[in-house]
N, C-alpha and C. Protein backbone atom coordinates (compact mmCIF):
# COMPACT_ATOMS: atom_id res chain seq x y z
N ARG A 1 -23.41 -39.20 -12.55
CA ARG A 1 -23.94 -37.85 -12.74
C ARG A 1 -24.99 -37.53 -11.68
N GLU A 2 -25.74 -38.56 -11.26
CA GLU A 2 -26.75 -38.33 -10.23
C GLU A 2 -26.11 -37.85 -8.93
N GLU A 3 -24.99 -38.47 -8.56
CA GLU A 3 -24.30 -38.09 -7.32
C GLU A 3 -23.75 -36.68 -7.43
N ILE A 4 -23.23 -36.32 -8.59
CA ILE A 4 -22.72 -34.96 -8.79
C ILE A 4 -23.85 -33.96 -8.65
N GLY A 5 -25.00 -34.26 -9.25
CA GLY A 5 -26.16 -33.38 -9.13
C GLY A 5 -26.62 -33.23 -7.70
N LYS A 6 -26.63 -34.32 -6.98
CA LYS A 6 -27.04 -34.28 -5.57
C LYS A 6 -26.07 -33.42 -4.75
N SER A 7 -24.78 -33.58 -5.00
CA SER A 7 -23.78 -32.78 -4.28
C SER A 7 -23.89 -31.30 -4.63
N ARG A 8 -24.08 -31.01 -5.93
CA ARG A 8 -24.22 -29.61 -6.35
C ARG A 8 -25.44 -28.95 -5.70
N THR A 9 -26.55 -29.66 -5.70
CA THR A 9 -27.77 -29.12 -5.09
C THR A 9 -27.55 -28.86 -3.61
N ALA A 10 -26.90 -29.80 -2.93
CA ALA A 10 -26.64 -29.63 -1.50
C ALA A 10 -25.72 -28.44 -1.24
N ARG A 11 -24.72 -28.26 -2.09
CA ARG A 11 -23.80 -27.12 -1.91
C ARG A 11 -24.54 -25.80 -2.13
N LEU A 12 -25.41 -25.77 -3.11
CA LEU A 12 -26.18 -24.56 -3.39
C LEU A 12 -27.11 -24.24 -2.23
N THR A 13 -27.81 -25.23 -1.72
CA THR A 13 -28.71 -25.04 -0.57
C THR A 13 -27.93 -24.54 0.63
N ARG A 14 -26.78 -25.14 0.86
CA ARG A 14 -25.93 -24.73 1.97
C ARG A 14 -25.48 -23.28 1.82
N ALA A 15 -25.00 -22.92 0.63
CA ALA A 15 -24.52 -21.56 0.40
C ALA A 15 -25.63 -20.54 0.63
N ARG A 16 -26.81 -20.83 0.11
CA ARG A 16 -27.95 -19.91 0.31
C ARG A 16 -28.25 -19.73 1.79
N ARG A 17 -28.25 -20.81 2.54
CA ARG A 17 -28.55 -20.74 3.97
C ARG A 17 -27.46 -19.97 4.72
N MET A 18 -26.21 -20.17 4.35
CA MET A 18 -25.12 -19.43 5.00
C MET A 18 -25.26 -17.94 4.74
N VAL A 19 -25.57 -17.59 3.50
CA VAL A 19 -25.76 -16.17 3.16
C VAL A 19 -26.94 -15.60 3.93
N GLU A 20 -28.00 -16.37 4.03
CA GLU A 20 -29.17 -15.94 4.80
C GLU A 20 -28.79 -15.65 6.26
N LEU A 21 -28.02 -16.53 6.85
CA LEU A 21 -27.58 -16.33 8.24
C LEU A 21 -26.66 -15.11 8.36
N MET A 22 -25.75 -14.95 7.42
CA MET A 22 -24.83 -13.82 7.44
C MET A 22 -25.54 -12.49 7.24
N SER A 23 -26.63 -12.52 6.49
CA SER A 23 -27.34 -11.27 6.18
C SER A 23 -27.93 -10.62 7.43
N GLU A 24 -28.01 -11.39 8.51
CA GLU A 24 -28.49 -10.81 9.77
C GLU A 24 -27.43 -9.91 10.40
N ASP A 25 -26.16 -10.11 10.04
CA ASP A 25 -25.07 -9.33 10.62
C ASP A 25 -24.28 -8.51 9.62
N PHE A 26 -24.39 -8.85 8.34
CA PHE A 26 -23.64 -8.15 7.29
C PHE A 26 -24.59 -7.82 6.14
N PRO A 27 -24.26 -6.80 5.34
CA PRO A 27 -25.15 -6.42 4.23
C PRO A 27 -24.97 -7.30 2.99
N ILE A 28 -24.84 -8.58 3.19
CA ILE A 28 -24.61 -9.52 2.08
C ILE A 28 -25.95 -10.01 1.53
N THR A 29 -25.99 -10.18 0.21
CA THR A 29 -27.20 -10.70 -0.45
C THR A 29 -26.79 -11.83 -1.39
N TRP A 30 -27.76 -12.65 -1.74
CA TRP A 30 -27.50 -13.73 -2.69
C TRP A 30 -27.10 -13.17 -4.05
N ASP A 31 -27.73 -12.09 -4.46
CA ASP A 31 -27.39 -11.47 -5.74
C ASP A 31 -25.93 -11.05 -5.78
N LEU A 32 -25.44 -10.48 -4.67
CA LEU A 32 -24.03 -10.07 -4.62
C LEU A 32 -23.11 -11.28 -4.73
N VAL A 33 -23.44 -12.35 -4.05
CA VAL A 33 -22.62 -13.56 -4.13
C VAL A 33 -22.59 -14.06 -5.57
N GLU A 34 -23.74 -14.09 -6.22
CA GLU A 34 -23.81 -14.60 -7.60
C GLU A 34 -22.97 -13.77 -8.57
N GLU A 35 -22.74 -12.50 -8.25
CA GLU A 35 -21.89 -11.66 -9.10
C GLU A 35 -20.45 -12.18 -9.16
N HIS A 36 -20.08 -13.00 -8.20
CA HIS A 36 -18.70 -13.49 -8.11
C HIS A 36 -18.55 -14.93 -8.61
N VAL A 37 -19.58 -15.45 -9.25
CA VAL A 37 -19.57 -16.83 -9.74
C VAL A 37 -19.43 -16.83 -11.25
N THR A 38 -18.46 -17.58 -11.76
CA THR A 38 -18.31 -17.68 -13.20
C THR A 38 -19.37 -18.63 -13.75
N GLU A 39 -19.71 -18.45 -15.00
CA GLU A 39 -20.76 -19.26 -15.63
C GLU A 39 -20.43 -20.75 -15.54
N GLY A 40 -21.40 -21.53 -15.13
CA GLY A 40 -21.23 -22.96 -15.02
C GLY A 40 -20.68 -23.45 -13.70
N ALA A 41 -20.20 -22.53 -12.87
CA ALA A 41 -19.64 -22.93 -11.57
C ALA A 41 -20.74 -23.11 -10.54
N THR A 42 -20.46 -23.91 -9.53
CA THR A 42 -21.37 -24.09 -8.41
C THR A 42 -21.00 -23.08 -7.34
N VAL A 43 -21.97 -22.36 -6.84
CA VAL A 43 -21.70 -21.37 -5.79
C VAL A 43 -21.14 -22.09 -4.58
N GLY A 44 -20.07 -21.54 -4.04
CA GLY A 44 -19.44 -22.12 -2.86
C GLY A 44 -18.91 -21.04 -1.94
N ARG A 45 -18.27 -21.48 -0.88
CA ARG A 45 -17.74 -20.54 0.10
C ARG A 45 -16.75 -19.54 -0.49
N PRO A 46 -15.92 -19.91 -1.49
CA PRO A 46 -15.03 -18.89 -2.06
C PRO A 46 -15.79 -17.70 -2.65
N HIS A 47 -16.96 -17.96 -3.24
CA HIS A 47 -17.76 -16.87 -3.81
C HIS A 47 -18.36 -16.00 -2.71
N ILE A 48 -18.75 -16.64 -1.62
CA ILE A 48 -19.26 -15.88 -0.47
C ILE A 48 -18.13 -15.02 0.08
N ALA A 49 -16.93 -15.59 0.15
CA ALA A 49 -15.77 -14.83 0.62
C ALA A 49 -15.53 -13.62 -0.26
N ASP A 50 -15.62 -13.80 -1.57
CA ASP A 50 -15.41 -12.68 -2.50
C ASP A 50 -16.46 -11.59 -2.29
N ALA A 51 -17.69 -11.98 -2.02
CA ALA A 51 -18.74 -10.99 -1.74
C ALA A 51 -18.44 -10.24 -0.45
N LEU A 52 -17.95 -10.95 0.56
CA LEU A 52 -17.60 -10.30 1.83
C LEU A 52 -16.44 -9.33 1.65
N ILE A 53 -15.51 -9.67 0.77
CA ILE A 53 -14.40 -8.76 0.45
C ILE A 53 -14.95 -7.51 -0.24
N ALA A 54 -15.83 -7.71 -1.21
CA ALA A 54 -16.42 -6.58 -1.94
C ALA A 54 -17.15 -5.63 -1.00
N LEU A 55 -17.73 -6.18 0.05
CA LEU A 55 -18.46 -5.36 1.03
C LEU A 55 -17.53 -4.68 2.03
N GLY A 56 -16.26 -5.09 2.05
CA GLY A 56 -15.33 -4.54 3.02
C GLY A 56 -15.42 -5.19 4.39
N VAL A 57 -16.14 -6.30 4.48
CA VAL A 57 -16.27 -7.01 5.76
C VAL A 57 -14.94 -7.66 6.13
N VAL A 58 -14.24 -8.19 5.13
CA VAL A 58 -12.92 -8.79 5.29
C VAL A 58 -12.05 -8.28 4.15
N THR A 59 -10.74 -8.50 4.27
CA THR A 59 -9.84 -8.02 3.22
C THR A 59 -9.31 -9.13 2.32
N THR A 60 -9.38 -10.38 2.79
CA THR A 60 -8.88 -11.50 1.98
C THR A 60 -9.79 -12.72 2.14
N ARG A 61 -9.66 -13.64 1.21
CA ARG A 61 -10.39 -14.90 1.33
C ARG A 61 -9.97 -15.64 2.60
N SER A 62 -8.68 -15.60 2.89
CA SER A 62 -8.21 -16.30 4.10
C SER A 62 -8.89 -15.75 5.33
N GLU A 63 -9.00 -14.44 5.41
CA GLU A 63 -9.67 -13.84 6.56
C GLU A 63 -11.14 -14.26 6.61
N ALA A 64 -11.78 -14.29 5.46
CA ALA A 64 -13.19 -14.72 5.41
C ALA A 64 -13.33 -16.16 5.90
N PHE A 65 -12.44 -17.02 5.45
CA PHE A 65 -12.51 -18.42 5.87
C PHE A 65 -12.17 -18.58 7.35
N ASP A 66 -11.21 -17.82 7.82
CA ASP A 66 -10.81 -17.94 9.23
C ASP A 66 -11.85 -17.37 10.19
N ARG A 67 -12.51 -16.29 9.81
CA ARG A 67 -13.43 -15.61 10.72
C ARG A 67 -14.89 -15.99 10.53
N ILE A 68 -15.33 -16.13 9.28
CA ILE A 68 -16.76 -16.20 9.01
C ILE A 68 -17.19 -17.53 8.37
N LEU A 69 -16.36 -18.10 7.55
CA LEU A 69 -16.75 -19.30 6.80
C LEU A 69 -16.22 -20.59 7.40
N THR A 70 -15.71 -20.53 8.59
CA THR A 70 -15.18 -21.70 9.29
C THR A 70 -16.29 -22.53 9.91
N ALA A 71 -16.00 -23.78 10.16
CA ALA A 71 -16.98 -24.67 10.81
C ALA A 71 -17.27 -24.23 12.24
N ARG A 72 -16.43 -23.38 12.79
CA ARG A 72 -16.66 -22.87 14.16
C ARG A 72 -17.51 -21.60 14.17
N SER A 73 -17.96 -21.17 13.03
CA SER A 73 -18.72 -19.93 12.90
C SER A 73 -20.21 -20.16 13.11
N PRO A 74 -20.92 -19.15 13.62
CA PRO A 74 -22.37 -19.28 13.75
C PRO A 74 -23.09 -19.31 12.39
N TYR A 75 -22.36 -19.03 11.33
CA TYR A 75 -22.95 -19.02 9.99
C TYR A 75 -22.74 -20.35 9.26
N TRP A 76 -22.06 -21.27 9.90
CA TRP A 76 -21.73 -22.55 9.28
C TRP A 76 -22.97 -23.40 9.07
N VAL A 77 -23.05 -24.00 7.91
CA VAL A 77 -24.12 -24.94 7.58
C VAL A 77 -23.43 -26.15 6.95
N SER A 78 -23.69 -27.32 7.49
CA SER A 78 -23.09 -28.52 6.90
C SER A 78 -23.86 -28.87 5.62
N HIS A 79 -23.29 -29.74 4.84
CA HIS A 79 -23.93 -30.13 3.59
C HIS A 79 -23.67 -31.60 3.30
N TYR A 80 -24.46 -32.14 2.41
CA TYR A 80 -24.31 -33.53 2.01
C TYR A 80 -23.02 -33.72 1.22
N ALA A 81 -22.35 -34.79 1.51
CA ALA A 81 -21.24 -35.25 0.69
C ALA A 81 -21.27 -36.78 0.76
N PRO A 82 -20.97 -37.44 -0.32
CA PRO A 82 -20.99 -38.90 -0.27
C PRO A 82 -19.91 -39.41 0.68
N HIS A 83 -20.11 -40.59 1.23
CA HIS A 83 -19.07 -41.21 2.06
C HIS A 83 -17.82 -41.32 1.19
N PRO A 84 -16.65 -41.05 1.75
CA PRO A 84 -15.43 -41.09 0.94
C PRO A 84 -15.23 -42.38 0.15
N ALA A 85 -15.51 -43.53 0.74
CA ALA A 85 -15.33 -44.79 0.01
C ALA A 85 -16.31 -44.88 -1.16
N HIS A 86 -17.52 -44.38 -0.98
CA HIS A 86 -18.50 -44.38 -2.07
C HIS A 86 -18.02 -43.46 -3.19
N ALA A 87 -17.47 -42.30 -2.82
CA ALA A 87 -16.95 -41.38 -3.83
C ALA A 87 -15.82 -42.04 -4.62
N VAL A 88 -14.93 -42.74 -3.92
CA VAL A 88 -13.84 -43.44 -4.60
C VAL A 88 -14.40 -44.46 -5.59
N ALA A 89 -15.37 -45.24 -5.16
CA ALA A 89 -15.97 -46.25 -6.04
C ALA A 89 -16.60 -45.60 -7.27
N LEU A 90 -17.27 -44.48 -7.09
CA LEU A 90 -17.89 -43.78 -8.22
C LEU A 90 -16.84 -43.28 -9.20
N ILE A 91 -15.76 -42.72 -8.67
CA ILE A 91 -14.69 -42.21 -9.52
C ILE A 91 -14.07 -43.35 -10.33
N ARG A 92 -13.81 -44.47 -9.66
CA ARG A 92 -13.24 -45.62 -10.35
C ARG A 92 -14.20 -46.14 -11.42
N ALA A 93 -15.49 -46.21 -11.09
CA ALA A 93 -16.48 -46.70 -12.06
C ALA A 93 -16.54 -45.81 -13.29
N ALA A 94 -16.23 -44.53 -13.12
CA ALA A 94 -16.25 -43.59 -14.23
C ALA A 94 -14.92 -43.57 -14.98
N GLY A 95 -13.96 -44.38 -14.54
CA GLY A 95 -12.66 -44.42 -15.21
C GLY A 95 -11.69 -43.40 -14.69
N GLY A 96 -12.01 -42.78 -13.57
CA GLY A 96 -11.13 -41.77 -12.99
C GLY A 96 -10.08 -42.36 -12.07
N VAL A 97 -9.21 -41.48 -11.59
CA VAL A 97 -8.12 -41.87 -10.71
C VAL A 97 -8.31 -41.13 -9.38
N PRO A 98 -8.92 -41.78 -8.40
CA PRO A 98 -9.20 -41.10 -7.13
C PRO A 98 -7.95 -40.91 -6.28
N VAL A 99 -7.72 -39.66 -5.91
CA VAL A 99 -6.62 -39.28 -5.03
C VAL A 99 -7.23 -38.49 -3.88
N PHE A 100 -6.93 -38.88 -2.68
CA PHE A 100 -7.48 -38.23 -1.49
C PHE A 100 -6.72 -36.93 -1.23
N ALA A 101 -7.42 -35.81 -1.33
CA ALA A 101 -6.82 -34.49 -1.17
C ALA A 101 -6.61 -34.12 0.30
N HIS A 102 -5.46 -33.54 0.58
CA HIS A 102 -5.02 -33.08 1.91
C HIS A 102 -5.68 -33.82 3.07
N PRO A 103 -5.36 -35.11 3.22
CA PRO A 103 -6.01 -35.93 4.23
C PRO A 103 -5.70 -35.57 5.68
N SER A 104 -4.69 -34.78 5.92
CA SER A 104 -4.33 -34.41 7.30
C SER A 104 -4.48 -32.91 7.53
N ALA A 105 -5.55 -32.34 7.01
CA ALA A 105 -5.78 -30.89 7.12
C ALA A 105 -6.27 -30.53 8.51
N PHE A 106 -5.38 -30.65 9.49
CA PHE A 106 -5.74 -30.41 10.89
C PHE A 106 -6.34 -29.02 11.11
N ASN A 107 -5.77 -28.01 10.43
CA ASN A 107 -6.26 -26.65 10.65
C ASN A 107 -7.65 -26.42 10.09
N ARG A 108 -8.13 -27.33 9.27
CA ARG A 108 -9.50 -27.24 8.75
C ARG A 108 -10.46 -28.07 9.59
N GLY A 109 -9.90 -28.83 10.53
CA GLY A 109 -10.73 -29.72 11.32
C GLY A 109 -11.29 -30.85 10.47
N ALA A 110 -10.57 -31.17 9.40
CA ALA A 110 -11.10 -32.12 8.42
C ALA A 110 -10.23 -33.37 8.30
N VAL A 111 -9.72 -33.86 9.42
CA VAL A 111 -8.87 -35.03 9.37
C VAL A 111 -9.73 -36.29 9.29
N VAL A 112 -9.39 -37.15 8.37
CA VAL A 112 -10.11 -38.41 8.20
C VAL A 112 -9.27 -39.50 8.85
N GLY A 113 -9.90 -40.32 9.64
CA GLY A 113 -9.20 -41.37 10.37
C GLY A 113 -8.73 -42.52 9.49
N GLY A 114 -7.85 -43.32 10.08
CA GLY A 114 -7.27 -44.45 9.36
C GLY A 114 -8.29 -45.45 8.87
N ALA A 115 -9.36 -45.66 9.64
CA ALA A 115 -10.38 -46.64 9.23
C ALA A 115 -11.05 -46.20 7.93
N VAL A 116 -11.31 -44.90 7.80
CA VAL A 116 -11.94 -44.40 6.57
C VAL A 116 -10.97 -44.51 5.40
N ILE A 117 -9.70 -44.20 5.66
CA ILE A 117 -8.70 -44.35 4.59
C ILE A 117 -8.63 -45.81 4.16
N ASP A 118 -8.67 -46.73 5.11
CA ASP A 118 -8.67 -48.16 4.76
C ASP A 118 -9.88 -48.50 3.89
N GLU A 119 -11.05 -47.96 4.22
CA GLU A 119 -12.25 -48.20 3.42
C GLU A 119 -12.07 -47.64 2.01
N MET A 120 -11.43 -46.46 1.92
CA MET A 120 -11.20 -45.85 0.62
C MET A 120 -10.24 -46.71 -0.21
N ILE A 121 -9.21 -47.24 0.45
CA ILE A 121 -8.26 -48.11 -0.25
C ILE A 121 -9.00 -49.35 -0.76
N ASP A 122 -9.83 -49.94 0.08
CA ASP A 122 -10.60 -51.12 -0.33
C ASP A 122 -11.53 -50.81 -1.50
N ALA A 123 -12.00 -49.56 -1.59
CA ALA A 123 -12.91 -49.15 -2.67
C ALA A 123 -12.17 -48.79 -3.95
N GLY A 124 -10.82 -48.73 -3.89
CA GLY A 124 -10.06 -48.45 -5.10
C GLY A 124 -9.27 -47.15 -5.10
N LEU A 125 -9.03 -46.56 -3.93
CA LEU A 125 -8.22 -45.34 -3.87
C LEU A 125 -6.87 -45.61 -4.53
N LEU A 126 -6.40 -44.65 -5.31
CA LEU A 126 -5.14 -44.83 -6.03
C LEU A 126 -4.04 -43.88 -5.58
N GLY A 127 -4.38 -42.85 -4.79
CA GLY A 127 -3.33 -41.92 -4.37
C GLY A 127 -3.70 -41.11 -3.15
N LEU A 128 -2.66 -40.54 -2.54
CA LEU A 128 -2.81 -39.62 -1.41
C LEU A 128 -2.09 -38.33 -1.75
N GLU A 129 -2.75 -37.21 -1.53
CA GLU A 129 -2.10 -35.91 -1.71
C GLU A 129 -1.31 -35.64 -0.43
N VAL A 130 -0.02 -35.88 -0.50
CA VAL A 130 0.86 -35.73 0.65
C VAL A 130 1.42 -34.31 0.72
N GLU A 131 1.92 -33.83 -0.41
CA GLU A 131 2.55 -32.51 -0.46
C GLU A 131 1.48 -31.44 -0.59
N HIS A 132 1.08 -30.89 0.54
CA HIS A 132 0.05 -29.85 0.59
C HIS A 132 0.26 -29.05 1.86
N ARG A 133 0.07 -27.75 1.79
CA ARG A 133 0.33 -26.88 2.93
C ARG A 133 -0.49 -27.24 4.17
N ASP A 134 -1.63 -27.87 4.00
CA ASP A 134 -2.47 -28.22 5.15
C ASP A 134 -2.07 -29.55 5.80
N ASN A 135 -1.16 -30.28 5.20
CA ASN A 135 -0.64 -31.50 5.81
C ASN A 135 0.63 -31.13 6.57
N PRO A 136 0.61 -31.14 7.90
CA PRO A 136 1.83 -30.82 8.67
C PRO A 136 2.96 -31.79 8.30
N GLU A 137 4.19 -31.34 8.44
CA GLU A 137 5.34 -32.16 8.04
C GLU A 137 5.33 -33.54 8.69
N GLY A 138 5.00 -33.62 9.97
CA GLY A 138 4.95 -34.92 10.64
C GLY A 138 3.93 -35.84 10.02
N ALA A 139 2.79 -35.29 9.66
CA ALA A 139 1.74 -36.09 9.03
C ALA A 139 2.15 -36.54 7.63
N ARG A 140 2.95 -35.73 6.96
CA ARG A 140 3.39 -36.11 5.61
C ARG A 140 4.18 -37.41 5.63
N GLY A 141 5.02 -37.56 6.65
CA GLY A 141 5.78 -38.81 6.77
C GLY A 141 4.86 -40.00 6.96
N GLU A 142 3.85 -39.84 7.81
CA GLU A 142 2.88 -40.91 8.03
C GLU A 142 2.12 -41.23 6.75
N LEU A 143 1.75 -40.18 6.01
CA LEU A 143 1.02 -40.38 4.76
C LEU A 143 1.88 -41.10 3.72
N ARG A 144 3.18 -40.75 3.67
CA ARG A 144 4.07 -41.44 2.73
C ARG A 144 4.15 -42.93 3.08
N THR A 145 4.19 -43.23 4.37
CA THR A 145 4.23 -44.63 4.80
C THR A 145 2.96 -45.36 4.38
N ILE A 146 1.80 -44.74 4.62
CA ILE A 146 0.52 -45.34 4.21
C ILE A 146 0.52 -45.59 2.70
N ALA A 147 0.99 -44.59 1.95
CA ALA A 147 1.02 -44.72 0.49
C ALA A 147 1.94 -45.86 0.07
N ARG A 148 3.13 -45.90 0.64
CA ARG A 148 4.09 -46.94 0.28
C ARG A 148 3.55 -48.33 0.61
N GLU A 149 2.98 -48.48 1.82
CA GLU A 149 2.49 -49.79 2.26
C GLU A 149 1.28 -50.27 1.45
N ASN A 150 0.58 -49.34 0.81
CA ASN A 150 -0.63 -49.71 0.07
C ASN A 150 -0.52 -49.51 -1.43
N GLY A 151 0.68 -49.21 -1.91
CA GLY A 151 0.89 -49.05 -3.34
C GLY A 151 0.16 -47.85 -3.93
N LEU A 152 0.01 -46.79 -3.14
CA LEU A 152 -0.70 -45.59 -3.60
C LEU A 152 0.27 -44.58 -4.19
N LEU A 153 -0.20 -43.81 -5.14
CA LEU A 153 0.57 -42.70 -5.68
C LEU A 153 0.65 -41.59 -4.64
N VAL A 154 1.75 -40.84 -4.65
CA VAL A 154 1.92 -39.68 -3.77
C VAL A 154 1.88 -38.44 -4.64
N THR A 155 0.91 -37.57 -4.37
CA THR A 155 0.78 -36.35 -5.16
C THR A 155 0.99 -35.12 -4.29
N GLY A 156 1.07 -33.98 -4.96
CA GLY A 156 1.18 -32.70 -4.28
C GLY A 156 0.31 -31.68 -4.99
N SER A 157 -0.02 -30.62 -4.28
CA SER A 157 -0.87 -29.59 -4.87
C SER A 157 -0.72 -28.29 -4.09
N SER A 158 -0.75 -27.20 -4.82
CA SER A 158 -0.76 -25.89 -4.16
C SER A 158 -2.17 -25.55 -3.70
N ASP A 159 -3.17 -26.23 -4.25
CA ASP A 159 -4.58 -25.94 -3.94
C ASP A 159 -4.88 -24.48 -4.24
N TYR A 160 -4.28 -23.99 -5.31
CA TYR A 160 -4.42 -22.59 -5.68
C TYR A 160 -5.77 -22.36 -6.35
N HIS A 161 -6.55 -21.46 -5.76
CA HIS A 161 -7.87 -21.13 -6.30
C HIS A 161 -7.97 -19.64 -6.62
N GLY A 162 -6.85 -19.02 -6.96
CA GLY A 162 -6.85 -17.60 -7.26
C GLY A 162 -6.29 -16.79 -6.10
N SER A 163 -6.22 -15.50 -6.32
CA SER A 163 -5.65 -14.62 -5.30
C SER A 163 -6.60 -14.52 -4.11
N GLY A 164 -6.08 -14.01 -3.02
CA GLY A 164 -6.90 -13.81 -1.84
C GLY A 164 -6.65 -14.86 -0.77
N LYS A 165 -5.88 -15.87 -1.08
CA LYS A 165 -5.48 -16.87 -0.10
C LYS A 165 -3.96 -17.02 -0.20
N PRO A 166 -3.33 -17.51 0.86
CA PRO A 166 -1.86 -17.57 0.84
C PRO A 166 -1.28 -18.66 -0.06
N ASN A 167 -2.09 -19.56 -0.55
CA ASN A 167 -1.59 -20.65 -1.39
C ASN A 167 -0.94 -20.09 -2.65
N LEU A 168 0.25 -20.56 -2.94
CA LEU A 168 0.99 -20.09 -4.10
C LEU A 168 1.00 -21.17 -5.17
N LEU A 169 0.76 -20.76 -6.39
CA LEU A 169 0.75 -21.70 -7.51
C LEU A 169 2.11 -22.40 -7.58
N GLY A 170 2.10 -23.70 -7.53
CA GLY A 170 3.33 -24.48 -7.66
C GLY A 170 4.11 -24.68 -6.37
N GLU A 171 3.55 -24.31 -5.21
CA GLU A 171 4.32 -24.45 -3.98
C GLU A 171 4.50 -25.91 -3.56
N ASN A 172 3.59 -26.77 -3.92
CA ASN A 172 3.71 -28.21 -3.68
C ASN A 172 3.35 -28.87 -5.00
N VAL A 173 4.17 -29.79 -5.43
CA VAL A 173 3.96 -30.31 -6.78
C VAL A 173 3.86 -31.83 -6.80
N THR A 174 3.38 -32.32 -7.91
CA THR A 174 3.33 -33.74 -8.21
C THR A 174 4.43 -34.01 -9.22
N THR A 175 5.18 -35.07 -9.01
CA THR A 175 6.27 -35.37 -9.94
C THR A 175 5.73 -35.72 -11.32
N ARG A 176 6.56 -35.51 -12.31
CA ARG A 176 6.19 -35.85 -13.69
C ARG A 176 5.85 -37.34 -13.81
N GLU A 177 6.62 -38.18 -13.11
CA GLU A 177 6.38 -39.62 -13.17
C GLU A 177 5.00 -39.96 -12.61
N THR A 178 4.62 -39.28 -11.53
CA THR A 178 3.31 -39.54 -10.94
C THR A 178 2.20 -39.06 -11.87
N LEU A 179 2.39 -37.90 -12.49
CA LEU A 179 1.39 -37.41 -13.45
C LEU A 179 1.23 -38.39 -14.60
N GLU A 180 2.33 -38.93 -15.08
CA GLU A 180 2.26 -39.91 -16.16
C GLU A 180 1.54 -41.18 -15.71
N ALA A 181 1.79 -41.58 -14.46
CA ALA A 181 1.10 -42.76 -13.92
C ALA A 181 -0.40 -42.52 -13.82
N ILE A 182 -0.78 -41.32 -13.38
CA ILE A 182 -2.20 -40.98 -13.28
C ILE A 182 -2.85 -41.03 -14.66
N ALA A 183 -2.18 -40.42 -15.64
CA ALA A 183 -2.72 -40.42 -17.01
C ALA A 183 -2.86 -41.85 -17.53
N GLY A 184 -1.91 -42.70 -17.19
CA GLY A 184 -1.95 -44.08 -17.64
C GLY A 184 -3.04 -44.91 -16.98
N LEU A 185 -3.41 -44.53 -15.76
CA LEU A 185 -4.44 -45.26 -15.02
C LEU A 185 -5.86 -44.84 -15.40
N ALA A 186 -6.00 -43.63 -15.93
CA ALA A 186 -7.33 -43.12 -16.27
C ALA A 186 -7.87 -43.85 -17.49
N THR A 187 -9.13 -44.25 -17.39
CA THR A 187 -9.76 -44.95 -18.51
C THR A 187 -11.06 -44.28 -18.95
N GLY A 188 -11.48 -43.27 -18.23
CA GLY A 188 -12.75 -42.62 -18.53
C GLY A 188 -12.65 -41.60 -19.64
N THR A 189 -13.79 -41.11 -20.03
CA THR A 189 -13.89 -40.05 -21.02
C THR A 189 -14.23 -38.76 -20.28
N PRO A 190 -13.43 -37.71 -20.46
CA PRO A 190 -13.74 -36.46 -19.76
C PRO A 190 -15.13 -35.95 -20.11
N LEU A 191 -15.81 -35.40 -19.10
CA LEU A 191 -17.12 -34.78 -19.34
C LEU A 191 -16.88 -33.45 -20.03
N GLY A 192 -17.68 -33.13 -21.01
CA GLY A 192 -17.44 -31.91 -21.74
C GLY A 192 -18.51 -30.91 -21.63
């Protein structure tokens, strides 16, 4: 829980700073961003994107992410995240089933190298999200090989977070057998 709190605080600090930077060029305010956050959620870039849409600065979340919320933007602020292997160890310690999401997201500039994946496997990684729109087809084959050679589950995801992005619900899926395996591997108690 301490690590989750640390990550949430870092995300909030980052979001506030990004909005502050954007406010120099756009009429965006923190209050407007907060209007787009559901109760209990941590403010993130999707909420900033929704505020930018409401202002008419962009027309879609995808446009907001491509133009303004990208790591190549002058409004970008990095944030704390635990080392991937540490995150895997924490998930395992909590009885969870760690699956590395879209590991070959080249278009996000978020590709993790083989050495880090090896560290994650050593820490208890149990799966790789292979079927995802951000994993190019060539990379999917490589990921399947890594999964097969290391006994990892292969999952898929649409990464659907609502309208405003091109991701379609159900466009990449996880097989029923894999879902059953995940459920069987989980030993933790869900946080309520």
